Amino acid sequence: MKNMKSKSWMLVAVLLFGTLAIQNASANEGQPIVRVGDSCPSGYRKSGEYCVPRSGSTSPPAAIEKKGTCPAGYRKSGEYCVPRSGGATAPNVIEKKGACPSGYRKSGEYCVERGT
């Protein structure tokens, strides 16, 4: 019983961290992101181990690391997925770890919030 409780708490912690890391991508719009591979998504340029917004451009869309196919509402940009149409209607997305939580549906390797 004790082992089951600790596994439950660990699952909650993993889901919460994943949710905060990916779901808040829109909050990170225009912020530096860790570079994946040798490329940066559109609207960004390399700066050491990071991708930073290009100067003089409008705030680039938030980007999430591409794992398989991009989720619904997102398109591929290098090794990243960025919202289609500038992100105004992009759904909240979290990395899929097991079954998607309540209120989310599966989209490739991601869970996409329903109704967005």
N, C-alpha and C. Protein backbone atom coordinates (compact mmCIF):
# COMPACT_ATOMS: atom_id res chain seq x y z
N MET A 1 0.82 -1.19 0.00
CA MET A 1 0.00 0.00 0.00
C MET A 1 0.87 1.26 0.00
N LYS A 2 1.90 1.26 0.85
CA LYS A 2 2.79 2.42 0.93
C LYS A 2 3.50 2.65 -0.41
N ASN A 3 3.96 1.56 -1.05
CA ASN A 3 4.64 1.65 -2.34
C ASN A 3 3.70 2.21 -3.41
N MET A 4 2.43 1.82 -3.36
CA MET A 4 1.45 2.33 -4.32
C MET A 4 1.23 3.83 -4.15
N LYS A 5 1.19 4.29 -2.90
CA LYS A 5 1.01 5.73 -2.63
C LYS A 5 2.20 6.53 -3.16
N SER A 6 3.42 6.01 -2.94
CA SER A 6 4.59 6.75 -3.41
C SER A 6 4.63 6.79 -4.94
N LYS A 7 4.19 5.71 -5.60
CA LYS A 7 4.14 5.71 -7.06
C LYS A 7 3.09 6.69 -7.56
N SER A 8 1.97 6.79 -6.84
CA SER A 8 0.92 7.74 -7.22
C SER A 8 1.44 9.16 -7.12
N TRP A 9 2.13 9.47 -6.03
CA TRP A 9 2.67 10.82 -5.86
C TRP A 9 3.72 11.13 -6.93
N MET A 10 4.53 10.12 -7.27
CA MET A 10 5.54 10.33 -8.31
C MET A 10 4.87 10.62 -9.65
N LEU A 11 3.81 9.89 -9.97
CA LEU A 11 3.09 10.12 -11.22
C LEU A 11 2.50 11.53 -11.24
N VAL A 12 1.93 11.96 -10.13
CA VAL A 12 1.36 13.32 -10.04
C VAL A 12 2.47 14.35 -10.25
N ALA A 13 3.62 14.14 -9.63
CA ALA A 13 4.73 15.09 -9.79
C ALA A 13 5.21 15.15 -11.23
N VAL A 14 5.34 13.98 -11.88
CA VAL A 14 5.79 13.94 -13.28
C VAL A 14 4.78 14.65 -14.18
N LEU A 15 3.50 14.37 -13.99
CA LEU A 15 2.47 15.02 -14.81
C LEU A 15 2.44 16.52 -14.58
N LEU A 16 2.57 16.93 -13.33
CA LEU A 16 2.56 18.37 -13.03
C LEU A 16 3.75 19.06 -13.67
N PHE A 17 4.95 18.47 -13.53
CA PHE A 17 6.13 19.08 -14.12
C PHE A 17 6.01 19.16 -15.64
N GLY A 18 5.57 18.07 -16.27
CA GLY A 18 5.39 18.07 -17.72
C GLY A 18 4.37 19.09 -18.15
N THR A 19 3.30 19.20 -17.39
CA THR A 19 2.26 20.18 -17.71
C THR A 19 2.82 21.59 -17.64
N LEU A 20 3.53 21.88 -16.57
CA LEU A 20 4.09 23.23 -16.41
C LEU A 20 5.14 23.53 -17.47
N ALA A 21 5.96 22.54 -17.81
CA ALA A 21 7.04 22.76 -18.77
C ALA A 21 6.53 23.03 -20.17
N ILE A 22 5.54 22.24 -20.62
CA ILE A 22 5.08 22.37 -22.00
C ILE A 22 3.87 23.27 -22.10
N GLN A 23 2.93 23.14 -21.18
CA GLN A 23 1.70 23.93 -21.26
C GLN A 23 2.01 25.42 -21.21
N ASN A 24 3.03 25.79 -20.48
CA ASN A 24 3.35 27.20 -20.35
C ASN A 24 4.23 27.69 -21.47
N ALA A 25 4.27 26.96 -22.57
CA ALA A 25 5.07 27.40 -23.71
C ALA A 25 4.63 28.78 -24.17
N SER A 26 3.33 29.06 -24.14
CA SER A 26 2.87 30.38 -24.58
C SER A 26 3.37 31.46 -23.65
N ALA A 27 3.56 31.15 -22.36
CA ALA A 27 4.09 32.13 -21.43
C ALA A 27 5.55 32.42 -21.75
N ASN A 28 6.24 31.48 -22.40
CA ASN A 28 7.64 31.65 -22.76
C ASN A 28 7.81 32.23 -24.15
N GLU A 29 6.74 32.66 -24.75
CA GLU A 29 6.80 33.22 -26.09
C GLU A 29 7.84 34.33 -26.14
N GLY A 30 8.75 34.23 -27.09
CA GLY A 30 9.77 35.25 -27.26
C GLY A 30 10.93 35.14 -26.28
N GLN A 31 10.99 34.07 -25.49
CA GLN A 31 12.06 33.86 -24.52
C GLN A 31 13.09 32.89 -25.10
N PRO A 32 14.34 32.94 -24.62
CA PRO A 32 15.32 31.94 -25.07
C PRO A 32 14.85 30.54 -24.71
N ILE A 33 15.19 29.57 -25.56
CA ILE A 33 14.88 28.17 -25.32
C ILE A 33 16.14 27.35 -25.53
N VAL A 34 16.22 26.19 -24.89
CA VAL A 34 17.38 25.32 -25.07
C VAL A 34 17.38 24.80 -26.50
N ARG A 35 18.54 24.87 -27.15
CA ARG A 35 18.66 24.43 -28.53
C ARG A 35 18.68 22.91 -28.59
N VAL A 36 17.92 22.35 -29.53
CA VAL A 36 17.88 20.91 -29.78
C VAL A 36 18.60 20.66 -31.09
N GLY A 37 19.65 19.86 -31.06
CA GLY A 37 20.40 19.60 -32.28
C GLY A 37 21.13 20.85 -32.74
N ASP A 38 21.17 21.04 -34.05
CA ASP A 38 21.93 22.16 -34.61
C ASP A 38 21.02 23.27 -35.12
N SER A 39 19.71 23.13 -34.97
CA SER A 39 18.81 24.12 -35.55
C SER A 39 17.99 24.84 -34.50
N CYS A 40 17.41 25.93 -34.92
CA CYS A 40 16.48 26.70 -34.09
C CYS A 40 15.18 26.85 -34.87
N PRO A 41 14.07 27.01 -34.17
CA PRO A 41 12.80 27.20 -34.88
C PRO A 41 12.76 28.56 -35.57
N SER A 42 11.82 28.71 -36.51
CA SER A 42 11.71 29.99 -37.21
C SER A 42 11.44 31.10 -36.21
N GLY A 43 12.08 32.25 -36.46
CA GLY A 43 11.97 33.40 -35.57
C GLY A 43 13.05 33.45 -34.50
N TYR A 44 13.88 32.39 -34.44
CA TYR A 44 14.96 32.31 -33.45
C TYR A 44 16.30 32.18 -34.16
N ARG A 45 17.38 32.48 -33.43
CA ARG A 45 18.74 32.29 -33.93
C ARG A 45 19.56 31.61 -32.85
N LYS A 46 20.65 30.94 -33.27
CA LYS A 46 21.53 30.25 -32.32
C LYS A 46 22.30 31.26 -31.48
N SER A 47 22.46 30.93 -30.20
CA SER A 47 23.31 31.68 -29.30
C SER A 47 23.85 30.68 -28.28
N GLY A 48 25.03 30.14 -28.57
CA GLY A 48 25.58 29.10 -27.71
C GLY A 48 24.69 27.86 -27.76
N GLU A 49 24.28 27.39 -26.61
CA GLU A 49 23.43 26.20 -26.52
C GLU A 49 21.94 26.57 -26.49
N TYR A 50 21.63 27.81 -26.84
CA TYR A 50 20.26 28.29 -26.81
C TYR A 50 19.81 28.81 -28.16
N CYS A 51 18.51 28.98 -28.30
CA CYS A 51 17.91 29.68 -29.42
C CYS A 51 17.27 30.93 -28.81
N VAL A 52 17.60 32.07 -29.36
CA VAL A 52 17.07 33.34 -28.85
C VAL A 52 16.28 34.02 -29.96
N PRO A 53 15.28 34.81 -29.60
CA PRO A 53 14.50 35.51 -30.63
C PRO A 53 15.40 36.38 -31.49
N ARG A 54 15.12 36.40 -32.79
CA ARG A 54 15.87 37.27 -33.70
C ARG A 54 15.54 38.72 -33.37
N SER A 55 16.55 39.57 -33.37
CA SER A 55 16.31 40.98 -33.07
C SER A 55 15.55 41.63 -34.23
N GLY A 56 14.70 42.57 -33.90
CA GLY A 56 13.95 43.29 -34.91
C GLY A 56 12.73 42.56 -35.42
N SER A 57 12.51 41.31 -34.98
CA SER A 57 11.33 40.59 -35.44
C SER A 57 10.25 40.67 -34.37
N THR A 58 9.03 40.42 -34.79
CA THR A 58 7.97 40.37 -33.81
C THR A 58 8.24 39.17 -32.90
N SER A 59 7.63 39.13 -31.78
CA SER A 59 7.86 38.05 -30.83
C SER A 59 7.57 36.71 -31.49
N PRO A 60 8.58 35.83 -31.59
CA PRO A 60 8.35 34.54 -32.24
C PRO A 60 7.43 33.67 -31.39
N PRO A 61 6.76 32.71 -32.01
CA PRO A 61 5.86 31.84 -31.24
C PRO A 61 6.64 30.95 -30.29
N ALA A 62 5.98 30.51 -29.25
CA ALA A 62 6.59 29.56 -28.33
C ALA A 62 6.87 28.26 -29.08
N ALA A 63 7.91 27.56 -28.70
CA ALA A 63 8.28 26.32 -29.38
C ALA A 63 8.42 25.21 -28.35
N ILE A 64 8.02 23.99 -28.75
CA ILE A 64 8.22 22.82 -27.91
C ILE A 64 9.07 21.83 -28.69
N GLU A 65 9.84 21.02 -27.98
CA GLU A 65 10.69 20.04 -28.65
C GLU A 65 9.82 19.04 -29.40
N LYS A 66 10.21 18.75 -30.65
CA LYS A 66 9.46 17.83 -31.50
C LYS A 66 9.78 16.40 -31.09
N LYS A 67 8.74 15.64 -30.79
CA LYS A 67 8.87 14.22 -30.46
C LYS A 67 7.90 13.48 -31.36
N GLY A 68 8.40 12.90 -32.44
CA GLY A 68 7.51 12.26 -33.42
C GLY A 68 6.82 13.32 -34.25
N THR A 69 5.52 13.18 -34.42
CA THR A 69 4.73 14.13 -35.19
C THR A 69 4.28 15.26 -34.28
N CYS A 70 4.24 16.48 -34.81
CA CYS A 70 3.77 17.61 -34.00
C CYS A 70 2.30 17.41 -33.63
N PRO A 71 1.90 17.91 -32.45
CA PRO A 71 0.51 17.75 -32.04
C PRO A 71 -0.43 18.61 -32.87
N ALA A 72 -1.71 18.31 -32.77
CA ALA A 72 -2.74 19.08 -33.47
C ALA A 72 -2.60 20.56 -33.12
N GLY A 73 -2.68 21.43 -34.12
CA GLY A 73 -2.55 22.87 -33.91
C GLY A 73 -1.13 23.39 -34.00
N TYR A 74 -0.16 22.49 -34.21
CA TYR A 74 1.25 22.86 -34.28
C TYR A 74 1.84 22.37 -35.60
N ARG A 75 2.95 22.99 -36.03
CA ARG A 75 3.64 22.59 -37.24
C ARG A 75 5.14 22.44 -36.93
N LYS A 76 5.82 21.68 -37.77
CA LYS A 76 7.26 21.44 -37.59
C LYS A 76 8.05 22.68 -37.97
N SER A 77 9.08 22.96 -37.18
CA SER A 77 10.04 24.01 -37.49
C SER A 77 11.38 23.54 -36.95
N GLY A 78 12.19 22.92 -37.81
CA GLY A 78 13.44 22.32 -37.37
C GLY A 78 13.16 21.14 -36.46
N GLU A 79 13.76 21.12 -35.30
CA GLU A 79 13.55 20.05 -34.32
C GLU A 79 12.47 20.43 -33.30
N TYR A 80 11.65 21.40 -33.67
CA TYR A 80 10.63 21.93 -32.77
C TYR A 80 9.24 21.87 -33.40
N CYS A 81 8.24 22.06 -32.58
CA CYS A 81 6.87 22.26 -33.04
C CYS A 81 6.46 23.64 -32.58
N VAL A 82 5.93 24.43 -33.50
CA VAL A 82 5.48 25.79 -33.18
C VAL A 82 4.00 25.90 -33.55
N PRO A 83 3.27 26.75 -32.85
CA PRO A 83 1.84 26.89 -33.15
C PRO A 83 1.62 27.33 -34.59
N ARG A 84 0.56 26.79 -35.21
CA ARG A 84 0.15 27.26 -36.55
C ARG A 84 -0.45 28.64 -36.39
N SER A 85 -0.39 29.45 -37.41
CA SER A 85 -1.01 30.78 -37.44
C SER A 85 -0.60 31.66 -36.28
N GLY A 86 0.67 31.65 -35.90
CA GLY A 86 1.15 32.56 -34.88
C GLY A 86 0.79 32.20 -33.46
N GLY A 87 0.02 31.15 -33.25
CA GLY A 87 -0.23 30.68 -31.91
C GLY A 87 -1.45 31.23 -31.21
N ALA A 88 -2.21 32.12 -31.87
CA ALA A 88 -3.35 32.72 -31.20
C ALA A 88 -4.37 31.67 -30.77
N THR A 89 -4.50 30.58 -31.54
CA THR A 89 -5.49 29.55 -31.22
C THR A 89 -4.84 28.21 -30.88
N ALA A 90 -3.55 28.19 -30.63
CA ALA A 90 -2.86 26.93 -30.35
C ALA A 90 -3.34 26.36 -29.02
N PRO A 91 -3.65 25.07 -29.00
CA PRO A 91 -4.10 24.45 -27.75
C PRO A 91 -2.93 24.25 -26.79
N ASN A 92 -3.24 24.12 -25.51
CA ASN A 92 -2.23 23.77 -24.52
C ASN A 92 -1.83 22.33 -24.76
N VAL A 93 -0.52 22.05 -24.65
CA VAL A 93 0.02 20.73 -24.97
C VAL A 93 0.95 20.29 -23.86
N ILE A 94 0.90 18.99 -23.51
CA ILE A 94 1.86 18.41 -22.59
C ILE A 94 2.41 17.15 -23.23
N GLU A 95 3.62 16.77 -22.83
CA GLU A 95 4.21 15.54 -23.34
C GLU A 95 3.42 14.36 -22.78
N LYS A 96 3.15 13.36 -23.63
CA LYS A 96 2.36 12.20 -23.22
C LYS A 96 3.23 11.24 -22.43
N LYS A 97 2.78 10.90 -21.23
CA LYS A 97 3.42 9.91 -20.35
C LYS A 97 2.31 8.98 -19.88
N GLY A 98 2.09 7.89 -20.56
CA GLY A 98 0.97 7.01 -20.23
C GLY A 98 -0.31 7.57 -20.81
N ALA A 99 -1.40 7.39 -20.10
CA ALA A 99 -2.69 7.91 -20.56
C ALA A 99 -2.75 9.43 -20.33
N CYS A 100 -3.44 10.13 -21.22
CA CYS A 100 -3.59 11.58 -21.06
C CYS A 100 -4.50 11.86 -19.85
N PRO A 101 -4.23 12.98 -19.16
CA PRO A 101 -5.08 13.31 -18.01
C PRO A 101 -6.47 13.77 -18.46
N SER A 102 -7.37 13.85 -17.53
CA SER A 102 -8.72 14.31 -17.79
C SER A 102 -8.69 15.68 -18.45
N GLY A 103 -9.48 15.87 -19.48
CA GLY A 103 -9.53 17.15 -20.18
C GLY A 103 -8.57 17.25 -21.35
N TYR A 104 -7.77 16.20 -21.57
CA TYR A 104 -6.81 16.17 -22.67
C TYR A 104 -7.06 14.95 -23.54
N ARG A 105 -6.66 15.03 -24.81
CA ARG A 105 -6.77 13.91 -25.73
C ARG A 105 -5.40 13.65 -26.34
N LYS A 106 -5.18 12.42 -26.78
CA LYS A 106 -3.90 12.03 -27.37
C LYS A 106 -3.74 12.63 -28.76
N SER A 107 -2.53 13.12 -29.05
CA SER A 107 -2.17 13.59 -30.39
C SER A 107 -0.69 13.25 -30.57
N GLY A 108 -0.42 12.08 -31.15
CA GLY A 108 0.96 11.62 -31.30
C GLY A 108 1.60 11.38 -29.95
N GLU A 109 2.74 11.97 -29.69
CA GLU A 109 3.46 11.81 -28.42
C GLU A 109 3.07 12.89 -27.41
N TYR A 110 1.95 13.56 -27.66
CA TYR A 110 1.51 14.65 -26.80
C TYR A 110 0.08 14.43 -26.34
N CYS A 111 -0.32 15.18 -25.33
CA CYS A 111 -1.71 15.28 -24.90
C CYS A 111 -2.12 16.72 -25.15
N VAL A 112 -3.22 16.89 -25.87
CA VAL A 112 -3.71 18.21 -26.27
C VAL A 112 -4.98 18.51 -25.49
N GLU A 113 -5.03 19.71 -24.91
CA GLU A 113 -6.22 20.09 -24.13
C GLU A 113 -7.45 20.12 -25.02
N ARG A 114 -8.52 19.53 -24.53
CA ARG A 114 -9.79 19.52 -25.28
C ARG A 114 -10.42 20.90 -25.24
N GLY A 115 -11.12 21.24 -26.31
CA GLY A 115 -11.89 22.48 -26.33
C GLY A 115 -11.09 23.73 -26.60
N THR A 116 -9.80 23.59 -26.97
CA THR A 116 -9.01 24.79 -27.31
C THR A 116 -8.61 24.72 -28.75
